[in-house]
Amino acid sequence: MSEIKIDKQLTLPELLLSVERQIQTFVYEVCFVFDSDKNLIFSKQGEVNFIRFTQEELNLLGNKYFTHNHPKNGFFLQI
């Protein structure tokens, strides 16, 4: 995955928008998960049409801020 700039000087909504702008042209799906203090909890690269999550990763999503792209109108898969 290309280097994504995470600027914690931004407000949380600005940070999410900044990340979204950086990943909008990717040809594969990627996601970023942040906590309320703008700490990156995890990021993940998927395939062209989907991101596959483990149950452990899904458990990390509670009360977090999640952003991602949809380069080919993809979807999420749980394994």
Protein backbone atom coordinates (compact mmCIF):
# COMPACT_ATOMS: atom_id res chain seq x y z
CA MET A 1 0.00 0.00 0.00
CA SER A 2 1.29 3.44 -0.86
CA GLU A 3 2.34 5.68 1.97
CA ILE A 4 -0.73 7.44 3.36
CA LYS A 5 -0.17 10.65 5.29
CA ILE A 6 -1.97 10.67 8.63
CA ASP A 7 -1.95 14.23 9.92
CA LYS A 8 -3.03 14.21 13.57
CA GLN A 9 -3.03 18.02 13.55
CA LEU A 10 -6.34 17.81 11.66
CA THR A 11 -9.69 17.37 13.37
CA LEU A 12 -11.01 13.81 13.23
CA PRO A 13 -13.49 14.58 10.41
CA GLU A 14 -10.73 16.36 8.47
CA LEU A 15 -8.37 13.43 9.02
CA LEU A 16 -10.92 10.93 7.71
CA LEU A 17 -11.58 13.11 4.68
CA SER A 18 -7.84 13.48 4.07
CA VAL A 19 -7.37 9.70 4.10
CA GLU A 20 -10.41 9.22 1.86
CA ARG A 21 -9.00 11.66 -0.68
CA GLN A 22 -5.66 9.84 -0.68
CA ILE A 23 -7.19 6.41 -1.30
CA GLN A 24 -10.00 7.34 -3.69
CA THR A 25 -8.02 6.43 -6.82
CA PHE A 26 -6.61 3.13 -5.56
CA VAL A 27 -7.52 0.16 -7.77
CA TYR A 28 -8.01 -2.08 -4.72
CA GLU A 29 -10.06 -1.58 -1.59
CA VAL A 30 -8.34 -0.33 1.54
CA CYS A 31 -9.63 0.64 4.95
CA PHE A 32 -8.38 2.64 7.90
CA VAL A 33 -9.69 2.45 11.45
CA PHE A 34 -9.04 5.23 13.98
CA ASP A 35 -9.94 5.78 17.60
CA SER A 36 -11.38 9.04 18.92
CA ASP A 37 -7.85 10.33 19.62
CA LYS A 38 -6.97 9.93 15.91
CA ASN A 39 -4.69 6.96 16.56
CA LEU A 40 -4.58 4.48 13.71
CA ILE A 41 -5.89 1.18 15.10
CA PHE A 42 -5.31 -0.74 11.89
CA SER A 43 -5.41 -0.47 8.14
CA LYS A 44 -5.93 -3.22 5.65
CA GLN A 45 -5.63 -3.74 1.93
CA GLY A 46 -8.21 -5.90 0.24
CA GLU A 47 -8.76 -7.04 -3.30
CA VAL A 48 -10.22 -5.15 -6.26
CA ASN A 49 -13.80 -5.85 -5.18
CA PHE A 50 -13.69 -6.53 -1.44
CA ILE A 51 -11.89 -6.49 1.90
CA ARG A 52 -11.89 -9.72 3.91
CA PHE A 53 -11.93 -9.38 7.72
CA THR A 54 -11.25 -11.90 10.44
CA GLN A 55 -13.49 -11.96 13.50
CA GLU A 56 -10.65 -10.44 15.53
CA GLU A 57 -10.46 -7.49 13.13
CA LEU A 58 -14.22 -7.03 13.22
CA ASN A 59 -14.03 -6.97 17.03
CA LEU A 60 -11.64 -4.00 16.80
CA LEU A 61 -14.24 -1.90 14.94
CA GLY A 62 -16.49 -1.20 17.93
CA ASN A 63 -16.60 2.50 18.86
CA LYS A 64 -14.01 3.33 16.20
CA TYR A 65 -13.97 5.48 13.07
CA PHE A 66 -13.78 3.50 9.86
CA THR A 67 -13.16 4.78 6.36
CA HIS A 68 -12.52 3.00 3.09
CA ASN A 69 -12.83 3.25 -0.65
CA HIS A 70 -14.94 1.38 -3.21
CA PRO A 71 -12.97 1.27 -6.46
CA LYS A 72 -15.26 -1.31 -8.10
CA ASN A 73 -18.38 -1.09 -5.90
CA GLY A 74 -16.99 -3.90 -3.75
CA PHE A 75 -18.18 -5.40 -0.50
CA PHE A 76 -16.92 -6.81 2.83
CA LEU A 77 -16.37 -10.47 3.62
CA GLN A 78 -15.96 -12.05 7.04
CA ILE A 79 -13.88 -15.23 7.28
